[in-house]
Protein backbone atom coordinates (compact mmCIF):
# COMPACT_ATOMS: atom_id res chain seq x y z
CA UNK A 1 89.35 160.34 17.47
CA UNK A 2 90.18 156.57 18.75
CA UNK A 3 92.28 156.13 15.60
CA UNK A 4 94.59 158.87 16.73
CA UNK A 5 94.34 157.84 20.45
CA UNK A 6 94.80 154.15 19.58
CA UNK A 7 98.42 154.13 18.24
CA UNK A 8 99.76 156.03 21.71
CA UNK A 9 97.38 154.04 23.92
CA UNK A 10 99.01 150.85 22.32
CA UNK A 11 102.48 151.87 23.20
CA UNK A 12 101.47 151.08 26.80
CA UNK A 13 101.66 147.45 28.39
CA UNK A 14 97.67 146.58 28.10
CA UNK A 15 96.87 146.89 31.86
CA UNK A 16 98.87 150.49 32.06
CA UNK A 17 96.51 151.49 28.67
CA UNK A 18 93.68 150.29 30.55
CA UNK A 19 94.55 152.53 33.96
CA UNK A 20 94.85 155.50 31.80
CA UNK A 21 91.41 155.13 30.11
CA UNK A 22 90.08 154.49 33.54
CA UNK A 23 91.77 158.11 34.77
CA UNK A 24 90.29 159.47 31.79
CA UNK A 25 86.66 157.98 32.63
CA UNK A 26 87.26 159.48 35.96
CA UNK A 27 87.73 162.96 35.12
CA UNK A 28 84.88 162.84 32.98
CA UNK A 29 82.58 161.47 35.55
CA UNK A 30 84.11 164.21 38.13
CA UNK A 31 83.34 166.85 36.02
CA UNK A 32 79.35 166.35 35.51
CA UNK A 33 79.09 168.75 33.11
CA UNK A 34 81.12 166.42 30.51
CA UNK A 35 78.67 163.59 30.69
CA UNK A 36 76.29 165.22 28.32
CA UNK A 37 78.71 165.70 25.32
CA UNK A 38 79.81 162.05 25.76
CA UNK A 39 76.27 160.90 25.36
CA UNK A 40 75.58 163.06 22.23
CA UNK A 41 79.29 161.15 21.19
CA UNK A 42 78.22 157.41 21.60
CA UNK A 43 74.46 157.22 22.82
CA UNK A 44 72.04 156.09 19.89
CA UNK A 45 68.51 155.43 20.62
CA UNK A 46 65.52 153.82 18.93
CA UNK A 47 62.67 152.01 19.76
CA UNK A 48 62.95 149.12 17.72
CA UNK A 49 66.24 148.10 20.41
CA UNK A 50 64.20 148.51 23.09
CA UNK A 51 63.32 145.06 25.45
CA UNK A 52 61.84 144.50 28.49
CA UNK A 53 63.75 141.23 29.72
CA UNK A 54 62.82 140.02 33.40
CA UNK A 55 61.19 143.00 34.23
CA UNK A 56 64.22 145.24 33.42
CA UNK A 57 63.85 147.76 30.80
CA UNK A 58 67.05 147.30 28.16
CA UNK A 59 66.93 150.60 26.03
CA UNK A 60 69.48 148.52 23.68
CA UNK A 61 70.87 144.95 23.29
CA UNK A 62 74.38 146.12 23.49
CA UNK A 63 76.00 145.75 27.20
CA UNK A 64 79.64 146.22 28.70
CA UNK A 65 80.96 142.88 29.87
CA UNK A 66 82.40 142.62 33.24
CA UNK A 67 86.25 143.11 33.36
CA UNK A 68 86.31 146.94 32.61
CA UNK A 69 85.24 148.71 36.04
CA UNK A 70 86.15 146.51 38.51
CA UNK A 71 85.51 148.42 41.79
CA UNK A 72 82.28 150.27 40.57
CA UNK A 73 84.95 153.30 39.83
CA UNK A 74 83.47 155.05 36.42
CA UNK A 75 79.93 153.79 36.30
CA UNK A 76 78.54 157.04 35.62
CA UNK A 77 80.60 158.03 32.86
CA UNK A 78 79.86 154.25 31.34
CA UNK A 79 76.13 154.91 31.99
CA UNK A 80 76.67 157.65 28.79
CA UNK A 81 78.79 155.78 26.76
CA UNK A 82 75.89 154.37 24.90
CA UNK A 83 75.24 150.74 26.50
CA UNK A 84 71.75 148.97 26.72
CA UNK A 85 73.37 148.04 30.58
CA UNK A 86 76.67 147.97 32.19
CA UNK A 87 78.02 145.13 34.20
CA UNK A 88 80.68 145.98 36.77
CA UNK A 89 83.35 143.54 38.74
CA UNK A 90 84.22 141.04 39.27
CA UNK A 91 84.05 142.04 42.76
CA UNK A 92 84.89 139.59 46.13
CA UNK A 93 84.05 140.44 49.36
CA UNK A 94 88.18 141.42 50.36
CA UNK A 95 90.32 143.87 48.47
CA UNK A 96 92.23 141.33 46.36
CA UNK A 97 95.65 142.56 44.02
CA UNK A 98 95.00 140.13 41.77
CA UNK A 99 97.82 137.92 39.91
CA UNK A 100 101.47 139.04 39.43
CA UNK A 101 102.16 141.31 36.84
CA UNK A 102 102.45 141.41 33.75
CA UNK A 103 98.66 139.75 33.60
CA UNK A 104 97.18 141.10 30.59
CA UNK A 105 98.24 140.68 26.69
CA UNK A 106 97.17 142.42 23.79
CA UNK A 107 96.97 139.55 20.26
CA UNK A 108 96.81 142.21 17.53
CA UNK A 109 96.97 139.93 14.56
CA UNK A 110 94.10 137.78 16.42
CA UNK A 111 92.22 140.59 17.56
CA UNK A 112 92.25 139.17 20.74
CA UNK A 113 93.19 139.48 24.33
CA UNK A 114 94.98 137.08 27.03
CA UNK A 115 94.65 138.16 30.65
CA UNK A 116 95.11 136.38 34.35
CA UNK A 117 93.94 139.41 36.29
CA UNK A 118 92.97 137.18 39.08
CA UNK A 119 89.54 139.25 40.05
CA UNK A 120 91.75 142.09 41.07
CA UNK A 121 89.71 144.66 42.92
CA UNK A 122 88.98 146.76 45.83
CA UNK A 123 87.02 144.86 47.52
CA UNK A 124 82.64 144.90 48.01
CA UNK A 125 82.67 147.78 50.86
CA UNK A 126 84.74 150.07 48.47
CA UNK A 127 83.00 149.08 45.17
CA UNK A 128 79.08 149.36 47.12
CA UNK A 129 80.55 153.07 47.88
CA UNK A 130 81.88 154.15 44.65
CA UNK A 131 78.49 152.90 43.23
CA UNK A 132 76.56 154.46 45.81
CA UNK A 133 77.69 158.13 44.46
CA UNK A 134 75.36 158.34 41.91
CA UNK A 135 72.15 157.42 40.09
CA UNK A 136 71.65 155.56 37.13
CA UNK A 137 69.34 155.47 34.23
CA UNK A 138 70.11 152.33 32.74
CA UNK A 139 70.50 148.57 34.10
CA UNK A 140 73.62 147.97 36.72
CA UNK A 141 74.49 144.72 37.14
CA UNK A 142 77.43 142.85 39.34
CA UNK A 143 80.06 140.02 38.53
CA UNK A 144 80.55 138.26 41.73
CA UNK A 145 83.50 136.04 42.01
CA UNK A 146 85.38 134.87 45.08
CA UNK A 147 88.66 135.51 47.38
CA UNK A 148 91.45 133.32 46.29
CA UNK A 149 92.28 133.62 49.42
CA UNK A 150 88.80 131.61 50.98
CA UNK A 151 89.22 128.06 52.22
CA UNK A 152 87.67 125.54 49.17
CA UNK A 153 84.89 124.60 50.91
CA UNK A 154 83.20 127.98 51.74
CA UNK A 155 83.68 129.73 48.29
CA UNK A 156 80.05 129.37 47.97
CA UNK A 157 79.67 131.94 50.62
CA UNK A 158 81.74 134.23 48.88
CA UNK A 159 78.96 134.98 46.26
CA UNK A 160 76.49 135.44 48.75
CA UNK A 161 78.34 137.51 51.01
CA UNK A 162 78.66 140.22 47.95
CA UNK A 163 75.35 139.53 46.83
CA UNK A 164 73.88 140.41 49.96
CA UNK A 165 75.99 143.31 50.29
CA UNK A 166 74.46 144.87 46.95
CA UNK A 167 71.07 143.25 46.92
CA UNK A 168 69.83 146.91 47.34
CA UNK A 169 71.67 148.74 44.32
CA UNK A 170 72.13 146.72 41.33
CA UNK A 171 69.60 145.79 38.64
CA UNK A 172 71.23 141.92 38.20
CA UNK A 173 74.10 140.08 39.43
CA UNK A 174 75.75 137.59 37.54
CA UNK A 175 77.81 134.71 38.98
CA UNK A 176 80.85 133.99 37.78
CA UNK A 177 81.86 130.56 37.49
CA UNK A 178 84.17 130.73 34.50
CA UNK A 179 87.38 132.51 35.34
CA UNK A 180 90.31 130.27 34.69
CA UNK A 181 92.49 132.48 36.79
CA UNK A 182 91.14 131.73 40.10
CA UNK A 183 92.34 128.06 41.25
CA UNK A 184 89.64 125.84 41.40
CA UNK A 185 86.61 128.37 40.32
CA UNK A 186 85.70 126.24 37.38
CA UNK A 187 85.38 123.13 39.03
CA UNK A 188 81.99 124.53 39.81
CA UNK A 189 81.01 123.40 36.13
CA UNK A 190 81.09 119.61 37.60
CA UNK A 191 77.90 118.01 38.49
CA UNK A 192 77.73 117.78 42.13
CA UNK A 193 79.82 121.03 42.88
CA UNK A 194 77.51 123.01 40.85
CA UNK A 195 74.20 121.31 42.50
CA UNK A 196 75.76 122.53 45.58
CA UNK A 197 75.84 125.91 44.08
CA UNK A 198 72.55 126.22 42.85
CA UNK A 199 71.30 124.68 46.59
CA UNK A 200 73.05 127.68 47.86
CA UNK A 201 71.96 130.33 45.44
CA UNK A 202 68.29 128.68 46.03
CA UNK A 203 68.76 128.99 49.92
CA UNK A 204 70.39 132.30 49.63
CA UNK A 205 67.10 133.87 47.42
CA UNK A 206 64.32 132.17 49.64
CA UNK A 207 65.96 133.68 52.73
CA UNK A 208 66.14 137.47 51.52
CA UNK A 209 63.11 137.00 49.14
CA UNK A 210 65.29 138.44 46.57
CA UNK A 211 63.98 140.44 43.31
CA UNK A 212 66.85 141.06 41.65
CA UNK A 213 67.72 138.56 38.86
CA UNK A 214 70.54 136.36 39.31
CA UNK A 215 72.54 135.49 35.65
CA UNK A 216 75.19 132.58 35.66
CA UNK A 217 78.09 132.77 33.66
CA UNK A 218 80.07 129.93 31.70
CA UNK A 219 83.36 129.04 30.73
CA UNK A 220 83.67 128.92 26.81
CA UNK A 221 85.38 125.91 27.22
CA UNK A 222 82.27 123.36 28.44
CA UNK A 223 81.48 120.93 25.69
CA UNK A 224 77.97 120.90 24.43
CA UNK A 225 77.06 117.91 26.08
CA UNK A 226 77.95 119.23 29.65
CA UNK A 227 76.42 122.62 29.29
CA UNK A 228 73.44 120.47 28.32
CA UNK A 229 74.13 118.28 31.74
CA UNK A 230 73.56 122.10 33.14
CA UNK A 231 70.70 123.42 31.98
CA UNK A 232 68.05 121.97 33.97
CA UNK A 233 69.74 122.86 37.16
CA UNK A 234 70.43 126.85 35.66
CA UNK A 235 66.93 127.20 34.55
CA UNK A 236 65.77 126.13 37.78
CA UNK A 237 68.19 128.55 39.91
CA UNK A 238 69.27 131.50 37.86
CA UNK A 239 67.33 133.64 35.77
CA UNK A 240 69.66 133.81 32.57
CA UNK A 241 72.54 132.54 31.37
CA UNK A 242 75.66 134.23 29.94
CA UNK A 243 77.56 132.55 27.10
CA UNK A 244 80.49 132.54 27.50
CA UNK A 245 83.84 133.70 29.46
CA UNK A 246 87.29 133.58 27.88
CA UNK A 247 88.86 129.80 27.14
CA UNK A 248 92.07 128.44 27.33
CA UNK A 249 92.17 127.27 23.85
CA UNK A 250 95.13 128.62 21.87
CA UNK A 251 94.33 126.66 18.36
CA UNK A 252 94.89 128.65 15.10
CA UNK A 253 96.09 131.88 17.03
CA UNK A 254 99.35 133.78 15.17
CA UNK A 255 99.95 136.37 17.63
CA UNK A 256 102.82 137.23 19.97
CA UNK A 257 101.96 136.10 23.54
CA UNK A 258 99.86 133.43 22.46
CA UNK A 259 101.27 130.93 24.77
CA UNK A 260 100.97 133.17 27.79
CA UNK A 261 98.56 131.65 30.18
CA UNK A 262 94.99 132.91 31.20
CA UNK A 263 91.36 133.01 29.67
CA UNK A 264 91.51 134.52 25.84
CA UNK A 265 89.13 136.81 24.82
CA UNK A 266 88.09 138.57 21.35
CA UNK A 267 87.46 137.31 17.93
CA UNK A 268 88.79 133.90 18.20
CA UNK A 269 85.68 133.03 20.56
CA UNK A 270 83.08 134.22 18.77
CA UNK A 271 82.38 130.66 16.32
CA UNK A 272 82.33 128.63 19.94
CA UNK A 273 80.51 130.85 21.58
CA UNK A 274 77.98 130.83 18.73
CA UNK A 275 77.31 127.45 18.96
CA UNK A 276 76.99 127.21 22.70
CA UNK A 277 74.07 130.19 22.42
CA UNK A 278 72.50 127.75 19.50
CA UNK A 279 72.39 124.98 21.84
CA UNK A 280 71.23 126.47 24.72
CA UNK A 281 68.15 128.43 23.13
CA UNK A 282 67.30 124.83 21.27
CA UNK A 283 67.60 123.17 24.81
CA UNK A 284 65.48 125.82 26.35
CA UNK A 285 63.00 126.38 23.69
CA UNK A 286 63.55 129.76 23.41
CA UNK A 287 62.26 130.45 27.34
CA UNK A 288 65.33 131.31 29.22
CA UNK A 289 67.21 134.67 28.88
CA UNK A 290 71.05 134.10 26.91
CA UNK A 291 73.30 136.81 26.68
CA UNK A 292 75.80 136.39 24.02
CA UNK A 293 79.42 137.64 24.40
CA UNK A 294 82.89 136.91 23.00
CA UNK A 295 84.34 138.40 20.01
CA UNK A 296 81.75 140.74 19.13
CA UNK A 297 83.30 142.90 16.51
CA UNK A 298 80.62 143.84 13.87
CA UNK A 299 76.60 144.36 13.43
CA UNK A 300 76.65 141.39 11.36
CA UNK A 301 78.40 139.57 14.89
CA UNK A 302 75.32 141.16 16.84
CA UNK A 303 72.97 139.99 14.65
CA UNK A 304 74.10 136.26 14.43
CA UNK A 305 74.24 135.97 17.77
CA UNK A 306 70.75 137.47 18.53
CA UNK A 307 69.73 135.12 15.13
CA UNK A 308 70.93 131.91 17.30
CA UNK A 309 69.50 132.62 20.14
CA UNK A 310 70.76 135.65 22.36
CA UNK A 311 68.28 138.37 23.79
CA UNK A 312 71.39 140.63 24.67
CA UNK A 313 75.24 140.94 23.89
CA UNK A 314 78.32 142.01 25.69
CA UNK A 315 81.36 143.39 24.48
CA UNK A 316 84.94 144.34 25.67
CA UNK A 317 87.87 143.16 23.84
CA UNK A 318 86.40 144.91 20.74
CA UNK A 319 86.41 148.07 22.58
CA UNK A 320 89.90 147.81 23.17
CA UNK A 321 90.57 147.65 19.13
CA UNK A 322 87.49 149.41 17.79
CA UNK A 323 86.94 152.20 20.61
CA UNK A 324 84.17 153.88 22.31
CA UNK A 325 82.29 154.75 19.08
CA UNK A 326 81.60 150.86 18.66
CA UNK A 327 78.63 151.19 20.67
CA UNK A 328 77.08 153.87 18.74
CA UNK A 329 77.98 151.80 15.55
CA UNK A 330 76.43 148.72 16.53
CA UNK A 331 73.21 150.27 17.45
CA UNK A 332 72.68 152.39 14.49
CA UNK A 333 73.32 149.48 12.18
CA UNK A 334 71.07 147.19 13.82
CA UNK A 335 68.27 149.38 13.96
CA UNK A 336 68.97 149.90 10.09
CA UNK A 337 68.90 146.31 9.73
CA UNK A 338 65.60 145.75 11.25
CA UNK A 339 64.03 148.58 9.19
CA UNK A 340 65.25 147.35 5.90
CA UNK A 341 64.15 143.86 6.68
CA UNK A 342 60.86 144.51 7.75
CA UNK A 343 60.76 144.13 11.58
CA UNK A 344 59.07 146.28 14.21
CA UNK A 345 61.78 145.16 17.05
CA UNK A 346 64.84 143.32 18.01
CA UNK A 347 62.93 140.44 19.44
CA UNK A 348 61.44 139.86 16.58
CA UNK A 349 64.76 138.15 15.37
CA UNK A 350 65.66 136.26 18.41
CA UNK A 351 66.46 132.53 17.63
CA UNK A 352 65.43 132.75 14.09
CA UNK A 353 68.62 130.86 13.20
CA UNK A 354 67.87 127.67 15.41
CA UNK A 355 66.86 124.91 13.66
């Protein structure tokens, strides 16, 4: 079906196509009798895919990455699209228009996207209102960002404000310090800045006795030695790490728009992020939750990420190119791989390729 729809969608600018996709999901979500049909089309369950991580039950390891549903507008529709978990947002305290348009670009030949959206969202209060309209049967996470207008020295508080607001309504948080489209945000990767952020998060958790896991999402542009420098603090402060967000590198690209500013996502990230996952798994001796993302298009990609240390993965750019049937395809192929190789559960292959 998507092969038929895709040429029409690709006639629109990427952000317009995304808007039409959201409109379609809103329609499905509004007419709840359509949700079982969506689930039947895109869902695949198998006992070998189930895991309990950080006291969260994941029915399968294929999650939706942040950025698709920025303001929690279609979470119930997405819940039925075959994902093991969905991550909504990024959410900021105040509503934010984001950067000037155009701000999203397809790199078709490279199976990639470039975006400079700038955390456009309806703000935490409206997003929370949207989220509370439904009950959810899969883990629902929230990606947390900062407002562009927040004074530099107060940026830490934006993360705290959003987590305080959603602390009873989501399964996990992801602190996003990796977006290249918000000025100075990636400075949180610097040693002193990161120490201050970790201290603020730790104080928040102690003050609120927060029971919801908090993950952190890093940039793909981080050198392995710098990742190693951060990992001790990360293990002390967070419950998991997402490796990794977009890159500003443009090596080896052939598509039009390749020189557009912003974060590059999709296929070109895969090998870069795979090395980061392998490094982090080895550094933490396999005792810390790693979620892999970046350029996952096939079941072989999923298996590589898992064997290099990721317990879960997230997809987004590949959905643009492959369509919503990708979740079922990945889960079914992964279950078949496990069965044909004598594994009882997906957890058995995590880290097998880490030396």
